[in-house]
Amino acid sequence: MAKNRKLTDLKNIGKKIAGRLNQAGIFSEEDLRQAGAVGAHRMIKEKHPNEPLPVCYYLYSFEGALSDKHWNEIGEQRKKQLKAQVG
């Protein structure tokens, strides 16, 4: 699996989410891996502090993209862990 694919080549990442990631300084799969799902979520939140971010739409999508799964397949236990890390 190529480690430096475009964001839109990853599962769960469409143009809108890729645009948000770009605004936060994340441009490739490798950038997303370095930030991690929680880090990427936080980076977007910092860029858009007054905008509520749907957890499943961003956090779970990033986790799914990194594990090559649809966001709904990552499992409830992992979702709880991610939510706890975001706070």
C-alpha atoms as a PDB file:
ATOM      1  CA  MET A   1       0.000   0.000   0.000  1.00  0.00           C
ATOM      2  CA  ALA A   2       1.445   3.337  -1.045  1.00  0.00           C
ATOM      3  CA  LYS A   3       2.023   5.536   1.966  1.00  0.00           C
ATOM      4  CA  ASN A   4       1.769   8.859   0.239  1.00  0.00           C
ATOM      5  CA  ARG A   5      -1.531   8.668  -1.599  1.00  0.00           C
ATOM      6  CA  LYS A   6      -3.668  11.732  -2.110  1.00  0.00           C
ATOM      7  CA  LEU A   7      -6.194  12.264   0.648  1.00  0.00           C
ATOM      8  CA  THR A   8      -9.121  11.700  -1.698  1.00  0.00           C
ATOM      9  CA  ASP A   9      -7.700   8.251  -2.551  1.00  0.00           C
ATOM     10  CA  LEU A  10      -8.315   7.177   1.055  1.00  0.00           C
ATOM     11  CA  LYS A  11     -11.574   5.735   2.324  1.00  0.00           C
ATOM     12  CA  ASN A  12     -13.975   8.237   3.884  1.00  0.00           C
ATOM     13  CA  ILE A  13     -12.117  11.264   2.510  1.00  0.00           C
ATOM     14  CA  GLY A  14     -14.018  13.281  -0.065  1.00  0.00           C
ATOM     15  CA  LYS A  15     -13.280  16.725  -1.436  1.00  0.00           C
ATOM     16  CA  LYS A  16     -14.813  18.603   1.505  1.00  0.00           C
ATOM     17  CA  ILE A  17     -12.896  16.720   4.185  1.00  0.00           C
ATOM     18  CA  ALA A  18      -9.706  16.840   2.084  1.00  0.00           C
ATOM     19  CA  GLY A  19     -10.147  20.612   1.822  1.00  0.00           C
ATOM     20  CA  ARG A  20     -10.476  20.912   5.583  1.00  0.00           C
ATOM     21  CA  LEU A  21      -7.375  18.770   6.069  1.00  0.00           C
ATOM     22  CA  ASN A  22      -5.480  20.947   3.560  1.00  0.00           C
ATOM     23  CA  GLN A  23      -6.447  24.068   5.520  1.00  0.00           C
ATOM     24  CA  ALA A  24      -4.927  22.408   8.589  1.00  0.00           C
ATOM     25  CA  GLY A  25      -1.679  21.613   6.743  1.00  0.00           C
ATOM     26  CA  ILE A  26      -2.411  17.964   5.914  1.00  0.00           C
ATOM     27  CA  PHE A  27      -1.992  17.187   2.224  1.00  0.00           C
ATOM     28  CA  SER A  28      -1.243  13.457   1.919  1.00  0.00           C
ATOM     29  CA  GLU A  29      -1.758  10.087   3.562  1.00  0.00           C
ATOM     30  CA  GLU A  30       1.660  10.415   5.184  1.00  0.00           C
ATOM     31  CA  ASP A  31       0.719  13.799   6.670  1.00  0.00           C
ATOM     32  CA  LEU A  32      -2.496  12.264   8.050  1.00  0.00           C
ATOM     33  CA  ARG A  33      -0.565   9.314   9.499  1.00  0.00           C
ATOM     34  CA  GLN A  34       1.842  11.680  11.236  1.00  0.00           C
ATOM     35  CA  ALA A  35      -0.997  13.734  12.715  1.00  0.00           C
ATOM     36  CA  GLY A  36      -3.177  10.740  13.550  1.00  0.00           C
ATOM     37  CA  ALA A  37      -6.963  10.824  13.621  1.00  0.00           C
ATOM     38  CA  VAL A  38      -7.147  12.746  16.894  1.00  0.00           C
ATOM     39  CA  GLY A  39      -4.401  15.187  15.917  1.00  0.00           C
ATOM     40  CA  ALA A  40      -6.028  15.907  12.562  1.00  0.00           C
ATOM     41  CA  HIS A  41      -9.381  16.489  14.261  1.00  0.00           C
ATOM     42  CA  ARG A  42      -7.747  18.923  16.692  1.00  0.00           C
ATOM     43  CA  MET A  43      -5.936  20.747  13.891  1.00  0.00           C
ATOM     44  CA  ILE A  44      -9.191  21.305  12.009  1.00  0.00           C
ATOM     45  CA  LYS A  45     -10.918  22.404  15.216  1.00  0.00           C
ATOM     46  CA  GLU A  46      -8.174  25.002  15.738  1.00  0.00           C
ATOM     47  CA  LYS A  47      -8.744  26.378  12.221  1.00  0.00           C
ATOM     48  CA  HIS A  48     -12.527  26.495  12.731  1.00  0.00           C
ATOM     49  CA  PRO A  49     -12.997  27.136  16.475  1.00  0.00           C
ATOM     50  CA  ASN A  50     -16.597  28.356  16.250  1.00  0.00           C
ATOM     51  CA  GLU A  51     -17.833  25.561  14.022  1.00  0.00           C
ATOM     52  CA  PRO A  52     -19.079  22.312  15.567  1.00  0.00           C
ATOM     53  CA  LEU A  53     -17.326  19.335  13.992  1.00  0.00           C
ATOM     54  CA  PRO A  54     -19.429  16.186  13.753  1.00  0.00           C
ATOM     55  CA  VAL A  55     -17.281  13.524  15.399  1.00  0.00           C
ATOM     56  CA  CYS A  56     -18.284  10.726  13.037  1.00  0.00           C
ATOM     57  CA  TYR A  57     -17.768  12.905  10.003  1.00  0.00           C
ATOM     58  CA  TYR A  58     -14.208  13.853  10.843  1.00  0.00           C
ATOM     59  CA  LEU A  59     -12.636  11.855  13.666  1.00  0.00           C
ATOM     60  CA  TYR A  60     -14.069   8.486  12.664  1.00  0.00           C
ATOM     61  CA  SER A  61     -13.464   9.213   8.985  1.00  0.00           C
ATOM     62  CA  PHE A  62      -9.780   9.881   9.659  1.00  0.00           C
ATOM     63  CA  GLU A  63      -9.429   6.716  11.718  1.00  0.00           C
ATOM     64  CA  GLY A  64     -11.135   4.705   8.998  1.00  0.00           C
ATOM     65  CA  ALA A  65      -8.956   6.277   6.318  1.00  0.00           C
ATOM     66  CA  LEU A  66      -5.828   5.282   8.233  1.00  0.00           C
ATOM     67  CA  SER A  67      -7.033   1.704   8.732  1.00  0.00           C
ATOM     68  CA  ASP A  68      -8.580   1.380   5.244  1.00  0.00           C
ATOM     69  CA  LYS A  69     -12.088   0.856   6.636  1.00  0.00           C
ATOM     70  CA  HIS A  70     -15.396   2.624   6.283  1.00  0.00           C
ATOM     71  CA  TRP A  71     -15.765   4.825   9.375  1.00  0.00           C
ATOM     72  CA  ASN A  72     -18.702   2.737  10.568  1.00  0.00           C
ATOM     73  CA  GLU A  73     -16.530  -0.422  10.633  1.00  0.00           C
ATOM     74  CA  ILE A  74     -13.963   0.776  13.172  1.00  0.00           C
ATOM     75  CA  GLY A  75     -15.863  -0.657  16.138  1.00  0.00           C
ATOM     76  CA  GLU A  76     -17.579   0.888  19.124  1.00  0.00           C
ATOM     77  CA  GLN A  77     -14.627   0.327  21.476  1.00  0.00           C
ATOM     78  CA  ARG A  78     -12.247   2.232  19.205  1.00  0.00           C
ATOM     79  CA  LYS A  79     -14.827   4.983  18.657  1.00  0.00           C
ATOM     80  CA  LYS A  80     -15.091   5.425  22.437  1.00  0.00           C
ATOM     81  CA  GLN A  81     -11.305   5.600  22.741  1.00  0.00           C
ATOM     82  CA  LEU A  82     -11.101   8.244  20.020  1.00  0.00           C
ATOM     83  CA  LYS A  83     -13.902  10.337  21.529  1.00  0.00           C
ATOM     84  CA  ALA A  84     -12.192  10.189  24.927  1.00  0.00           C
ATOM     85  CA  GLN A  85      -8.907  11.373  23.389  1.00  0.00           C
ATOM     86  CA  VAL A  86     -10.620  14.324  21.701  1.00  0.00           C
ATOM     87  CA  GLY A  87     -12.362  15.213  24.945  1.00  0.00           C
END
